[in-house]
Every structure is written in structure tokens, then in C-alpha cells.
């Protein structure tokens, strides 16, 4: 299965990039994983929040192919324990899902266009995290799910 993490804006902090590199290397054992960063919009001071979300939506939707299962990372999404998340992911894998695109939007969230294109939304916590750090948290949880699915010891650490 192919998994893509699609983000708006570049990863700005070295320590986050370093952590992501660790999990991306680990994920190679289990699935084809890639990260796609859409450049942040420039000169947005004259735009409304809705205009920004609309412009970001155009960029996001261009990166989604027919047949991709789109899962938004959003504070209002479904919440799982790590083992329930692994079970959900395993179910998607066993029912023929070939490509999943997880999307982390910009600072203002997602437009209705992106929400309507999504198959589901996922929240990693009741807490709110920055759009930077959630990238690392997501990759760690994806790796943890894969170790649970494979019955490997990492998830017990």
C-alpha cells in the first residue's frame, strides 16, 4: 500500500525534520511512504480566511488522484487508541485500499471543497498541536500502527 502525507507549508524546524527522517526510514519496511509539502501561500495579508482556505484547497486537490483514500488530520476527526487505529488501518489495507493520502491543512484548516473530497477525518488528540509538530506525531503513530499490525514489540515500549 502507498501512503502519502500531504502538508501545507514546509517543515520549518530541524528537530522535527530529524524526527520525521527516523520514522520515514522505519516505515520503508512496511509500506511505500512519501511526504509531499505544498508551499505555503505568499502575500496573503489582503486575503480573507476563506480565500486562503480556498486557494490552499486548489493546491491540495491537485495532489489527490482518483482512487486515493483521503483522510484529513483535523481536531474534529475520529479518535482512536493506538491499537484501534492499527486495526482500522489494517482493515483499510485488507479491503483493497491501495493509496491513502493523509492531509494536514494550513493554519486556518480546510475548506468545504477539501472536506467534501475526504473519506474521513482523524484526530490524533483532544489537544491542539501546531501544524509542524503534528507531522512528526502522525508519522510516529503510523509507524506504531504498522508494528502493532505485524505483532512487533515497538508498540509496547
Protein backbone atom coordinates (compact mmCIF):
# COMPACT_ATOMS: atom_id res chain seq x y z
CA UNK A 1 0.00 0.00 0.00
CA UNK A 2 1.09 3.54 -0.71
CA UNK A 3 0.72 6.19 1.99
CA UNK A 4 1.29 9.89 1.39
CA UNK A 5 1.42 12.64 3.98
CA UNK A 6 0.37 15.85 2.24
CA UNK A 7 1.07 19.07 4.13
CA UNK A 8 0.56 22.75 3.50
CA UNK A 9 3.81 24.61 4.13
CA UNK A 10 7.30 23.30 4.60
CA UNK A 11 8.56 21.67 7.76
CA UNK A 12 10.40 24.56 9.35
CA UNK A 13 12.23 23.10 12.33
CA UNK A 14 15.31 20.91 12.11
CA UNK A 15 14.40 18.79 15.11
CA UNK A 16 11.04 17.92 13.52
CA UNK A 17 12.73 17.08 10.20
CA UNK A 18 15.22 14.88 12.05
CA UNK A 19 12.46 13.01 13.87
CA UNK A 20 10.47 12.58 10.68
CA UNK A 21 13.52 11.19 8.90
CA UNK A 22 13.79 8.50 11.59
CA UNK A 23 10.18 7.36 11.14
CA UNK A 24 10.23 7.64 7.37
CA UNK A 25 13.21 5.29 7.27
CA UNK A 26 11.46 2.86 9.64
CA UNK A 27 8.24 2.98 7.61
CA UNK A 28 10.08 1.80 4.49
CA UNK A 29 9.97 -1.73 5.94
CA UNK A 30 6.18 -1.77 5.85
CA UNK A 31 4.80 0.37 3.05
CA UNK A 32 5.60 2.89 0.38
CA UNK A 33 5.55 6.18 2.29
CA UNK A 34 6.11 9.65 0.91
CA UNK A 35 5.70 13.16 2.19
CA UNK A 36 4.57 15.95 -0.13
CA UNK A 37 4.84 19.54 1.03
CA UNK A 38 2.75 22.15 -0.75
CA UNK A 39 4.45 25.55 -0.47
CA UNK A 40 2.66 27.97 1.83
CA UNK A 41 0.79 30.77 0.09
CA UNK A 42 2.63 34.06 -0.19
CA UNK A 43 1.28 37.62 0.14
CA UNK A 44 -1.92 36.62 1.90
CA UNK A 45 -2.39 39.70 4.10
CA UNK A 46 -5.13 41.06 1.82
CA UNK A 47 -7.00 37.73 1.67
CA UNK A 48 -9.78 36.58 3.97
CA UNK A 49 -9.52 33.29 5.84
CA UNK A 50 -11.98 31.71 3.40
CA UNK A 51 -9.95 32.92 0.40
CA UNK A 52 -6.79 31.42 1.88
CA UNK A 53 -8.54 28.10 2.54
CA UNK A 54 -9.95 28.13 -1.00
CA UNK A 55 -6.54 28.74 -2.58
CA UNK A 56 -4.98 26.02 -0.42
CA UNK A 57 -7.82 23.69 -1.43
CA UNK A 58 -6.92 24.10 -5.10
CA UNK A 59 -3.34 23.09 -4.35
CA UNK A 60 -4.35 20.17 -2.15
CA UNK A 61 -6.89 18.78 -4.61
CA UNK A 62 -4.33 18.86 -7.43
CA UNK A 63 -2.23 16.37 -5.44
CA UNK A 64 -5.06 13.88 -4.95
CA UNK A 65 -5.53 11.23 -7.62
CA UNK A 66 -8.71 9.32 -8.45
CA UNK A 67 -8.80 6.23 -6.26
CA UNK A 68 -6.87 7.81 -3.37
CA UNK A 69 -8.49 7.42 0.02
CA UNK A 70 -8.29 10.88 1.56
CA UNK A 71 -8.05 11.22 5.33
CA UNK A 72 -7.86 14.68 6.85
CA UNK A 73 -5.95 15.21 10.07
CA UNK A 74 -8.29 17.52 11.91
CA UNK A 75 -9.08 18.25 15.54
CA UNK A 76 -12.74 17.38 14.87
CA UNK A 77 -11.93 13.94 13.45
CA UNK A 78 -12.40 10.45 14.82
CA UNK A 79 -10.19 9.49 17.73
CA UNK A 80 -8.64 6.09 18.21
CA UNK A 81 -6.37 4.38 20.68
CA UNK A 82 -3.16 3.23 19.01
CA UNK A 83 -4.40 -0.36 18.80
CA UNK A 84 -7.80 0.67 17.43
CA UNK A 85 -6.04 2.90 14.88
CA UNK A 86 -3.87 -0.04 13.82
CA UNK A 87 -6.98 -2.19 13.45
CA UNK A 88 -8.68 0.49 11.34
CA UNK A 89 -5.62 0.85 9.14
CA UNK A 90 -5.32 -2.92 8.76
CA UNK A 91 -8.98 -3.05 7.71
CA UNK A 92 -8.33 -0.43 5.02
CA UNK A 93 -5.34 -2.41 3.80
CA UNK A 94 -7.24 -5.70 3.71
CA UNK A 95 -10.23 -4.30 1.84
CA UNK A 96 -8.25 -3.22 -1.18
CA UNK A 97 -7.28 0.34 -0.37
CA UNK A 98 -4.18 0.88 -2.49
CA UNK A 99 -3.36 4.52 -1.74
CA UNK A 100 -4.12 6.68 1.28
CA UNK A 101 -3.40 10.40 1.36
CA UNK A 102 -3.35 11.93 4.83
CA UNK A 103 -3.69 15.70 4.68
CA UNK A 104 -2.54 18.31 7.18
CA UNK A 105 -4.00 21.65 6.16
CA UNK A 106 -2.83 25.18 6.73
CA UNK A 107 -3.27 27.35 9.80
CA UNK A 108 -6.96 28.02 9.08
CA UNK A 109 -7.98 24.43 8.47
CA UNK A 110 -9.75 23.00 5.44
CA UNK A 111 -12.23 24.47 3.00
CA UNK A 112 -15.51 22.69 2.35
CA UNK A 113 -14.10 21.55 -1.02
CA UNK A 114 -11.38 19.58 0.73
CA UNK A 115 -13.75 18.29 3.42
CA UNK A 116 -16.13 17.07 0.72
CA UNK A 117 -13.29 15.26 -1.08
CA UNK A 118 -12.26 13.44 2.11
CA UNK A 119 -13.41 9.98 3.04
CA UNK A 120 -12.83 10.55 6.74
CA UNK A 121 -11.17 12.77 9.30
CA UNK A 122 -8.76 11.69 12.00
CA UNK A 123 -7.75 13.48 15.20
CA UNK A 124 -4.57 12.47 16.99
CA UNK A 125 -5.55 14.09 20.29
CA UNK A 126 -8.09 16.18 22.13
CA UNK A 127 -5.27 18.71 22.45
CA UNK A 128 -4.37 21.13 19.69
CA UNK A 129 -0.88 20.87 18.22
CA UNK A 130 0.96 23.04 15.73
CA UNK A 131 0.85 22.09 12.07
CA UNK A 132 4.58 21.48 12.37
CA UNK A 133 4.74 19.04 15.29
CA UNK A 134 1.67 17.04 14.26
CA UNK A 135 3.65 15.85 11.22
CA UNK A 136 6.10 14.07 13.48
CA UNK A 137 3.35 12.75 15.78
CA UNK A 138 1.46 11.36 12.80
CA UNK A 139 4.49 9.57 11.38
CA UNK A 140 5.26 8.05 14.78
CA UNK A 141 1.66 6.83 15.13
CA UNK A 142 1.70 5.40 11.60
CA UNK A 143 4.89 3.52 12.43
CA UNK A 144 3.43 2.35 15.74
CA UNK A 145 0.32 1.08 13.91
CA UNK A 146 2.46 -0.90 11.49
CA UNK A 147 4.36 -2.55 14.35
CA UNK A 148 1.06 -3.46 16.03
CA UNK A 149 -0.27 -4.93 12.77
CA UNK A 150 2.91 -7.00 12.38
CA UNK A 151 2.98 -8.04 16.06
CA UNK A 152 6.35 -6.38 16.64
CA UNK A 153 7.50 -5.10 20.05
CA UNK A 154 7.80 -1.31 19.43
CA UNK A 155 4.23 -0.59 20.49
CA UNK A 156 4.95 -1.94 23.96
CA UNK A 157 7.81 0.49 24.61
